[in-house]
Amino acid sequence: MIMKYILLLTLKSFIGVFAFKPNSFKSAVFLSNRISRNGFHHSSLSMKLQTGIVGLPNVGKSTLFNALVGSELAQAANFPFCTIEPNVGLVNVPDQRLEKLAEINKSAKIMPAVMEFVDIAGIVKGASSGEGLGNKFLSNIRMTDAIVHVVRCFLDDDVIHVDGTVDPIRDVEVINLELILADLEQTEKRLERCKKDKSMGKAIADEIEALEKINACLIAGKPARKADLTPEQSFAVKSLMLLTLKPVIYAANVKDEDLSNGNEMSKKIEAFAKSENNMAILVSAQVEAELAGLGPEDRAEFLASLGADEEKCGLKALTRAAYETLGLQTYFTAGPTETRAWTIKKGMTAPQAAGVIHTDFEKGFIRSETISYDDMVRLGSEKAVKEAGLMRSEGRDYIMQEGDVCLFRFNV
């Protein structure tokens, strides 16, 4: 009979408990308490979903940012360019399933997925050529996965508009054009360098073809995402981190009384977003600021007084839109130490999902003991799920499903 031992390991930036046998067979039972951003990753996905916030000055970007991250990191004032340096903040992704799993597993800690917001200075017409605070501020959001474009959809004589009047479609087009011009400057320089490359290997050829397609779109006033790129061409220009290749979520910023149903201006933004195959959500930066200091019951009561649904506006709606736009989903690990949510790309296999926790999990993957969230909650315990024959042993080809609760077994 093979003796079993419990080995407490410190692996890179996290502490985990593993069952150990002499043949080096290991099961990841309880996962990390802390994650170093560079410690746990998968090559195709950062551990943090990064979202850049853009918009004209005084549209409510910084007020929304402060409310979402629950701090006063960003200066919010009624004058243009009050935000100079980019503000970066982390937000826990709301997910009620974590509470249920933690209750079932009697977890000591809950670790939600996180979203990182980057708030930059307001962009004005001519920013790509140095107007306002200039094009350099656009570089602060090149690393992000998606862009949230905050659009002013309210009238208020006390809040200055940089162009004197409120016109949401005009405002959107100003920002979009500046992003296009910023990308065009970058792609033209890169294309010139590529054409001087004497090697002319397949990678350079793919990049030149991609850049020529993108340039044609940009010159026509269309975003780079409208270019019909092959997978190889998309990979060839990935390092450029083009702004107009990123998906956009339009956040129509309305007054509190319009949060439930929107208004005439927000409906124009919804139609505009639909025409681009992008998403639009309703937000009220002022309401979010007031909600930030309230507990769950008070939040629900306050939103109910406005006739608004927390699931359809603000942070929850923004998170859902970001996940849908980027093709993301969530799986869970759960045990007495902690219950944790992990963000992965839809279509990832079990080994790839394990690799998001740590690359060793992917390299030495053996199998995943998997339970659906619904089965876990319905039956009330892992033991009951096992007895019902609903715990699955999934191999290397298994495609992860939304809400899977996983125990990865691996061999290093």
Protein backbone atom coordinates (compact mmCIF):
# COMPACT_ATOMS: atom_id res chain seq x y z
CA MET A 1 0.00 0.00 0.00
CA ILE A 2 1.36 3.37 -1.04
CA MET A 3 1.75 5.70 1.90
CA LYS A 4 0.14 9.13 1.56
CA TYR A 5 1.68 12.28 2.89
CA ILE A 6 0.54 15.87 3.12
CA LEU A 7 3.16 18.29 1.90
CA LEU A 8 2.92 22.03 2.44
CA LEU A 9 4.60 23.70 -0.53
CA THR A 10 5.52 27.26 -1.27
CA LEU A 11 5.44 27.64 -5.03
CA LYS A 12 6.55 31.00 -6.49
CA SER A 13 4.18 33.65 -5.14
CA PHE A 14 1.50 31.47 -3.60
CA ILE A 15 1.01 28.99 -0.81
CA GLY A 16 -0.98 25.86 -1.53
CA VAL A 17 -1.75 22.52 0.10
CA PHE A 18 -1.13 19.45 -2.03
CA ALA A 19 -1.61 15.72 -1.54
CA PHE A 20 1.76 14.09 -2.30
CA LYS A 21 2.71 10.55 -3.23
CA PRO A 22 6.17 9.10 -3.97
CA ASN A 23 5.40 9.09 -7.73
CA SER A 24 5.08 12.92 -7.64
CA PHE A 25 1.32 12.77 -8.27
CA LYS A 26 -0.15 16.01 -6.92
CA SER A 27 -3.64 17.40 -6.54
CA ALA A 28 -4.25 21.10 -6.26
CA VAL A 29 -6.62 21.16 -3.32
CA PHE A 30 -6.49 24.65 -1.86
CA LEU A 31 -5.19 27.42 -4.04
CA SER A 32 -3.34 30.63 -3.50
CA ASN A 33 -3.97 33.31 -0.93
CA ARG A 34 -2.03 35.86 -2.96
CA ILE A 35 -1.38 36.23 -6.65
CA SER A 36 1.58 38.02 -8.15
CA ARG A 37 0.54 39.48 -11.47
CA ASN A 38 3.61 38.04 -13.14
CA GLY A 39 3.49 34.82 -11.15
CA PHE A 40 0.25 33.23 -12.31
CA HIS A 41 -0.72 33.67 -15.91
CA HIS A 42 -1.60 31.97 -19.11
CA SER A 43 0.06 33.18 -22.27
CA SER A 44 -3.24 34.22 -23.82
CA LEU A 45 -4.80 36.00 -20.84
CA SER A 46 -3.65 38.37 -18.15
CA MET A 47 -4.88 37.55 -14.67
CA LYS A 48 -6.52 40.97 -14.55
CA LEU A 49 -9.08 42.10 -17.07
CA GLN A 50 -7.80 45.57 -17.95
CA THR A 51 -10.24 48.22 -19.12
CA GLY A 52 -9.33 51.72 -20.26
CA ILE A 53 -11.79 54.55 -19.65
CA VAL A 54 -11.91 57.28 -22.31
CA GLY A 55 -14.12 60.24 -23.10
CA LEU A 56 -14.20 63.98 -23.54
CA PRO A 57 -13.35 66.15 -20.52
CA ASN A 58 -16.15 66.58 -17.95
CA VAL A 59 -18.28 63.62 -19.06
CA GLY A 60 -18.04 61.92 -15.65
CA LYS A 61 -15.11 59.57 -16.29
CA SER A 62 -13.24 60.27 -13.08
CA THR A 63 -16.39 60.35 -10.96
CA LEU A 64 -17.33 56.94 -12.37
CA PHE A 65 -13.79 55.64 -11.88
CA ASN A 66 -13.73 56.72 -8.23
CA ALA A 67 -17.11 55.13 -7.59
CA LEU A 68 -16.14 51.85 -9.22
CA VAL A 69 -12.83 51.47 -7.41
CA GLY A 70 -14.19 52.87 -4.14
CA SER A 71 -11.56 55.56 -3.71
CA GLU A 72 -10.70 59.15 -4.51
CA LEU A 73 -7.72 58.26 -6.70
CA ALA A 74 -8.95 60.34 -9.60
CA GLN A 75 -9.54 64.06 -9.27
CA ALA A 76 -13.08 64.86 -10.37
CA ALA A 77 -13.76 68.54 -11.00
CA ASN A 78 -15.83 70.78 -13.22
CA PHE A 79 -13.05 71.91 -15.54
CA PRO A 80 -11.25 70.31 -18.50
CA PHE A 81 -8.12 68.20 -17.97
CA CYS A 82 -8.45 67.87 -14.21
CA THR A 83 -7.02 64.35 -14.66
CA ILE A 84 -3.35 64.62 -15.66
CA GLU A 85 -1.66 61.35 -14.76
CA PRO A 86 -3.51 58.10 -15.50
CA ASN A 87 -5.33 56.59 -12.53
CA VAL A 88 -5.32 52.82 -12.07
CA GLY A 89 -7.64 50.94 -9.73
CA LEU A 90 -8.73 47.35 -9.09
CA VAL A 91 -12.36 46.31 -8.72
CA ASN A 92 -13.68 42.97 -7.50
CA VAL A 93 -15.93 41.40 -10.12
CA PRO A 94 -19.38 40.93 -8.51
CA ASP A 95 -20.43 37.27 -8.49
CA GLN A 96 -23.07 35.99 -6.07
CA ARG A 97 -22.02 32.39 -6.78
CA LEU A 98 -18.88 32.87 -4.70
CA GLU A 99 -20.88 33.37 -1.52
CA LYS A 100 -22.85 30.16 -2.09
CA LEU A 101 -19.74 28.08 -2.79
CA ALA A 102 -17.94 29.54 0.21
CA GLU A 103 -20.91 28.69 2.43
CA ILE A 104 -21.02 25.09 1.15
CA ASN A 105 -17.26 24.60 1.57
CA LYS A 106 -17.01 26.61 4.82
CA SER A 107 -14.23 28.60 3.18
CA ALA A 108 -12.14 30.91 5.34
CA LYS A 109 -11.66 33.34 2.48
CA ILE A 110 -13.39 34.47 -0.71
CA MET A 111 -11.26 35.65 -3.64
CA PRO A 112 -13.26 37.18 -6.50
CA ALA A 113 -11.91 37.82 -9.97
CA VAL A 114 -10.66 41.37 -10.48
CA MET A 115 -11.00 44.01 -13.15
CA GLU A 116 -8.45 46.80 -13.57
CA PHE A 117 -9.63 50.23 -14.68
CA VAL A 118 -7.30 52.82 -16.20
CA ASP A 119 -8.69 56.36 -16.25
CA ILE A 120 -6.83 58.78 -18.54
CA ALA A 121 -7.12 62.49 -19.21
CA GLY A 122 -10.07 63.70 -21.24
CA ILE A 123 -9.44 63.56 -24.98
CA VAL A 124 -10.30 66.52 -27.21
CA LYS A 125 -10.36 67.09 -30.95
CA GLY A 126 -6.75 67.14 -32.17
CA ALA A 127 -5.40 65.02 -29.32
CA SER A 128 -3.67 62.67 -31.78
CA SER A 129 -1.59 65.62 -33.01
CA GLY A 130 -0.92 67.10 -29.58
CA GLU A 131 -4.00 69.17 -28.77
CA GLY A 132 -5.20 69.30 -25.17
CA LEU A 133 -2.88 67.05 -23.20
CA GLY A 134 -1.65 65.35 -26.34
CA ASN A 135 -1.42 61.89 -27.81
CA LYS A 136 0.94 60.48 -25.15
CA PHE A 137 -2.01 59.87 -22.83
CA LEU A 138 -3.52 57.46 -25.34
CA SER A 139 -0.48 55.24 -24.85
CA ASN A 140 -1.61 54.63 -21.27
CA ILE A 141 -4.52 52.50 -22.48
CA ARG A 142 -2.73 50.54 -25.21
CA MET A 143 -2.10 47.70 -22.74
CA THR A 144 -5.79 47.33 -21.89
CA ASP A 145 -8.07 44.54 -23.14
CA ALA A 146 -11.09 46.75 -23.81
CA ILE A 147 -12.13 50.38 -23.85
CA VAL A 148 -15.04 51.88 -21.94
CA HIS A 149 -16.10 55.06 -23.73
CA VAL A 150 -18.01 57.29 -21.30
CA VAL A 151 -20.47 59.56 -23.10
CA ARG A 152 -22.33 62.44 -21.51
CA CYS A 153 -26.07 61.94 -21.91
CA PHE A 154 -27.42 64.60 -19.57
CA LEU A 155 -28.02 68.36 -19.63
CA ASP A 156 -26.66 70.50 -16.80
CA ASP A 157 -25.74 74.16 -17.21
CA ASP A 158 -23.50 73.89 -14.15
CA VAL A 159 -21.25 71.26 -15.79
CA ILE A 160 -19.02 72.71 -18.51
CA HIS A 161 -18.96 70.95 -21.88
CA VAL A 162 -15.69 71.37 -23.75
CA ASP A 163 -17.59 72.12 -27.00
CA GLY A 164 -20.26 74.29 -25.40
CA THR A 165 -23.20 71.98 -26.17
CA VAL A 166 -24.12 68.36 -25.44
CA ASP A 167 -24.31 66.13 -28.50
CA PRO A 168 -23.50 62.49 -27.66
CA ILE A 169 -23.04 61.25 -31.24
CA ARG A 170 -20.74 64.16 -32.11
CA ASP A 171 -18.80 63.52 -28.90
CA VAL A 172 -18.39 59.83 -29.72
CA GLU A 173 -17.18 60.60 -33.21
CA VAL A 174 -14.59 63.06 -31.87
CA ILE A 175 -13.07 60.40 -29.63
CA ASN A 176 -13.27 57.66 -32.25
CA LEU A 177 -11.51 59.84 -34.82
CA GLU A 178 -8.68 60.63 -32.41
CA LEU A 179 -8.18 56.92 -31.70
CA ILE A 180 -8.14 56.24 -35.46
CA LEU A 181 -5.58 58.99 -36.11
CA ALA A 182 -3.37 57.79 -33.26
CA ASP A 183 -3.40 54.26 -34.72
CA LEU A 184 -2.77 55.53 -38.24
CA GLU A 185 0.38 57.33 -37.14
CA GLN A 186 1.63 54.14 -35.54
CA THR A 187 0.76 51.77 -38.40
CA GLU A 188 2.25 54.02 -41.08
CA LYS A 189 5.57 54.15 -39.24
CA ARG A 190 5.54 50.39 -38.69
CA LEU A 191 4.63 49.68 -42.31
CA GLU A 192 7.54 51.81 -43.52
CA ARG A 193 9.95 49.86 -41.30
CA CYS A 194 8.54 46.52 -42.40
CA LYS A 195 9.00 47.32 -46.08
CA LYS A 196 12.68 48.05 -45.41
CA ASP A 197 13.15 44.61 -43.82
CA LYS A 198 15.30 42.66 -46.27
CA SER A 199 14.50 39.23 -44.82
CA MET A 200 10.87 39.35 -46.03
CA GLY A 201 10.01 36.13 -44.22
CA LYS A 202 6.43 34.95 -43.78
CA ALA A 203 6.01 36.82 -40.49
CA ILE A 204 7.00 40.13 -42.12
CA ALA A 205 4.81 39.37 -45.14
CA ASP A 206 1.83 38.69 -42.88
CA GLU A 207 2.47 41.92 -40.98
CA ILE A 208 2.72 44.00 -44.16
CA GLU A 209 -0.56 42.57 -45.48
CA ALA A 210 -2.25 43.20 -42.13
CA LEU A 211 -0.95 46.76 -41.91
CA GLU A 212 -2.06 47.55 -45.45
CA LYS A 213 -5.58 46.28 -44.67
CA ILE A 214 -5.67 48.23 -41.41
CA ASN A 215 -4.36 51.41 -43.01
CA ALA A 216 -7.07 51.26 -45.66
CA CYS A 217 -9.69 51.12 -42.88
CA LEU A 218 -8.13 53.89 -40.84
CA ILE A 219 -7.76 56.21 -43.82
CA ALA A 220 -11.44 55.63 -44.56
CA GLY A 221 -12.27 56.70 -41.00
CA LYS A 222 -13.04 53.17 -39.82
CA PRO A 223 -11.52 51.38 -36.80
CA ALA A 224 -8.89 48.70 -37.32
CA ARG A 225 -11.29 46.03 -36.06
CA LYS A 226 -13.20 46.47 -39.33
CA ALA A 227 -10.21 45.13 -41.28
CA ASP A 228 -10.76 41.57 -42.45
CA LEU A 229 -7.64 40.04 -40.89
CA THR A 230 -6.72 36.37 -40.97
CA PRO A 231 -5.64 34.79 -37.65
CA GLU A 232 -2.02 34.98 -38.83
CA GLN A 233 -2.36 38.67 -39.70
CA SER A 234 -4.02 39.43 -36.36
CA PHE A 235 -1.12 37.77 -34.58
CA ALA A 236 1.39 39.71 -36.69
CA VAL A 237 0.10 43.10 -35.48
CA LYS A 238 -0.78 42.09 -31.92
CA SER A 239 2.33 43.73 -30.46
CA LEU A 240 1.23 47.14 -31.81
CA MET A 241 -1.69 47.08 -29.34
CA LEU A 242 -3.80 49.24 -31.65
CA LEU A 243 -6.51 51.22 -29.89
CA THR A 244 -9.14 50.66 -32.56
CA LEU A 245 -8.60 46.91 -32.57
CA LYS A 246 -9.90 46.81 -29.00
CA PRO A 247 -13.60 46.19 -28.38
CA VAL A 248 -15.52 49.22 -27.14
CA ILE A 249 -18.28 49.40 -24.53
CA TYR A 250 -20.18 52.67 -24.56
CA ALA A 251 -21.22 53.88 -21.10
CA ALA A 252 -24.07 56.37 -21.46
CA ASN A 253 -23.80 58.58 -18.37
CA VAL A 254 -27.28 59.77 -17.40
CA LYS A 255 -28.88 61.56 -14.48
CA ASP A 256 -30.29 59.46 -11.65
CA GLU A 257 -33.90 59.82 -12.82
CA ASP A 258 -32.94 58.33 -16.21
CA LEU A 259 -31.04 55.33 -14.87
CA SER A 260 -33.98 52.93 -15.14
CA ASN A 261 -34.99 53.57 -18.76
CA GLY A 262 -32.43 55.96 -20.22
CA ASN A 263 -33.33 59.05 -22.22
CA GLU A 264 -33.37 60.30 -25.79
CA MET A 265 -29.59 60.86 -25.82
CA SER A 266 -28.72 57.45 -24.34
CA LYS A 267 -30.99 55.74 -26.87
CA LYS A 268 -28.94 57.38 -29.65
CA ILE A 269 -25.79 55.89 -28.11
CA GLU A 270 -27.42 52.46 -27.91
CA ALA A 271 -28.33 52.64 -31.60
CA PHE A 272 -24.85 53.86 -32.52
CA ALA A 273 -23.20 51.03 -30.56
CA LYS A 274 -25.46 48.48 -32.21
CA SER A 275 -24.48 49.78 -35.66
CA GLU A 276 -20.83 49.08 -34.73
CA ASN A 277 -21.62 45.66 -33.21
CA ASN A 278 -20.51 47.04 -29.86
CA MET A 279 -22.36 47.16 -26.55
CA ALA A 280 -23.86 50.10 -24.66
CA ILE A 281 -24.85 50.24 -21.00
CA LEU A 282 -26.52 52.83 -18.80
CA VAL A 283 -24.54 54.32 -15.95
CA SER A 284 -25.00 57.25 -13.64
CA ALA A 285 -21.63 58.34 -12.30
CA GLN A 286 -23.34 60.34 -9.57
CA VAL A 287 -25.51 57.39 -8.50
CA GLU A 288 -22.48 55.08 -8.49
CA ALA A 289 -20.69 57.60 -6.28
CA GLU A 290 -23.60 57.55 -3.81
CA LEU A 291 -23.86 53.76 -3.90
CA ALA A 292 -20.16 53.30 -3.16
CA GLY A 293 -20.63 54.01 0.55
CA LEU A 294 -23.78 51.89 1.04
CA GLY A 295 -24.22 48.31 2.19
CA PRO A 296 -26.05 45.70 0.06
CA GLU A 297 -29.50 46.32 1.56
CA ASP A 298 -29.23 50.09 1.34
CA ARG A 299 -27.93 49.82 -2.22
CA ALA A 300 -30.91 47.72 -3.25
CA GLU A 301 -33.32 50.10 -1.55
CA PHE A 302 -31.74 53.17 -3.16
CA LEU A 303 -31.78 51.64 -6.64
CA ALA A 304 -35.36 50.46 -6.15
CA SER A 305 -36.34 54.05 -5.35
CA LEU A 306 -34.98 54.99 -8.78
CA GLY A 307 -36.71 52.06 -10.47
CA ALA A 308 -33.29 50.72 -11.49
CA ASP A 309 -31.99 47.14 -11.52
CA GLU A 310 -28.43 46.70 -10.22
CA GLU A 311 -27.91 43.84 -12.67
CA LYS A 312 -28.63 46.10 -15.65
CA CYS A 313 -26.60 49.20 -14.85
CA GLY A 314 -23.34 50.31 -13.32
CA LEU A 315 -20.50 47.94 -12.37
CA LYS A 316 -22.43 44.67 -12.78
CA ALA A 317 -23.66 45.61 -16.23
CA LEU A 318 -20.21 46.89 -17.19
CA THR A 319 -18.53 43.68 -16.00
CA ARG A 320 -21.04 41.52 -17.85
CA ALA A 321 -20.56 43.57 -21.01
CA ALA A 322 -16.77 43.30 -20.74
CA TYR A 323 -16.89 39.52 -20.27
CA GLU A 324 -19.31 39.08 -23.17
CA THR A 325 -17.39 41.42 -25.46
CA LEU A 326 -14.05 39.74 -24.76
CA GLY A 327 -15.43 36.20 -24.82
CA LEU A 328 -14.60 35.46 -21.18
CA GLN A 329 -16.08 33.13 -18.61
CA THR A 330 -15.54 32.10 -14.99
CA TYR A 331 -14.64 28.87 -13.25
CA PHE A 332 -14.16 28.27 -9.53
CA THR A 333 -11.90 26.48 -7.10
CA ALA A 334 -13.31 25.90 -3.64
CA GLY A 335 -12.22 24.39 -0.35
CA PRO A 336 -11.88 25.17 3.36
CA THR A 337 -8.99 27.59 2.77
CA GLU A 338 -10.70 29.68 0.11
CA THR A 339 -13.22 29.90 -2.68
CA ARG A 340 -11.84 31.69 -5.74
CA ALA A 341 -13.12 32.82 -9.13
CA TRP A 342 -10.84 32.55 -12.16
CA THR A 343 -11.29 34.33 -15.48
CA ILE A 344 -10.58 32.43 -18.69
CA LYS A 345 -11.30 32.68 -22.40
CA LYS A 346 -14.32 30.78 -23.69
CA GLY A 347 -13.18 27.64 -25.47
CA MET A 348 -10.19 27.03 -23.21
CA THR A 349 -9.40 23.41 -22.41
CA ALA A 350 -9.00 22.14 -18.87
CA PRO A 351 -5.16 22.23 -19.04
CA GLN A 352 -5.23 25.82 -20.32
CA ALA A 353 -7.60 26.83 -17.52
CA ALA A 354 -5.31 25.15 -15.00
CA GLY A 355 -2.42 27.13 -16.51
CA VAL A 356 -4.13 30.38 -15.51
CA ILE A 357 -3.51 29.35 -11.90
CA HIS A 358 0.07 28.32 -12.57
CA THR A 359 2.00 27.17 -15.62
CA ASP A 360 3.06 23.99 -13.79
CA PHE A 361 -0.60 22.99 -13.56
CA GLU A 362 -0.85 23.07 -17.34
CA LYS A 363 2.50 21.38 -18.02
CA GLY A 364 1.81 18.47 -15.68
CA PHE A 365 -1.96 18.26 -16.15
CA ILE A 366 -3.46 14.81 -15.57
CA ARG A 367 -7.18 15.44 -15.16
CA SER A 368 -9.75 17.80 -13.71
CA GLU A 369 -12.32 16.63 -11.18
CA THR A 370 -15.21 18.84 -12.22
CA ILE A 371 -18.60 19.71 -10.75
CA SER A 372 -21.11 22.11 -12.27
CA TYR A 373 -22.01 25.04 -10.04
CA ASP A 374 -25.73 24.22 -10.33
CA ASP A 375 -25.18 20.61 -9.18
CA MET A 376 -23.06 21.76 -6.25
CA VAL A 377 -25.67 24.24 -5.04
CA ARG A 378 -28.63 21.93 -5.69
CA LEU A 379 -27.11 18.97 -3.80
CA GLY A 380 -25.37 21.06 -1.15
CA SER A 381 -21.97 19.37 -0.86
CA GLU A 382 -19.17 17.74 -2.82
CA LYS A 383 -19.94 14.44 -1.08
CA ALA A 384 -23.56 14.52 -2.22
CA VAL A 385 -22.46 15.34 -5.79
CA LYS A 386 -20.08 12.37 -5.77
CA GLU A 387 -22.77 10.05 -4.42
CA ALA A 388 -25.12 11.19 -7.18
CA GLY A 389 -22.46 10.34 -9.75
CA LEU A 390 -22.24 13.93 -10.96
CA MET A 391 -18.56 14.63 -10.29
CA ARG A 392 -16.85 14.26 -13.67
CA SER A 393 -13.26 13.29 -14.42
CA GLU A 394 -12.31 15.43 -17.41
CA GLY A 395 -9.21 14.97 -19.52
CA ARG A 396 -6.96 17.16 -21.64
CA ASP A 397 -9.54 17.77 -24.38
CA TYR A 398 -12.32 18.95 -22.08
CA ILE A 399 -13.67 22.41 -22.96
CA MET A 400 -14.36 24.39 -19.81
CA GLN A 401 -17.95 25.44 -19.15
CA GLU A 402 -19.23 28.54 -17.35
CA GLY A 403 -19.41 27.93 -13.61
CA ASP A 404 -17.33 24.74 -13.47
CA VAL A 405 -15.97 23.99 -10.00
CA CYS A 406 -12.62 22.30 -10.51
CA LEU A 407 -9.97 20.30 -8.69
CA PHE A 408 -6.91 19.92 -10.97
CA ARG A 409 -4.64 16.94 -10.63
CA PHE A 410 -1.18 17.31 -12.09
CA ASN A 411 2.27 15.77 -12.10
CA VAL A 412 5.43 17.91 -12.11
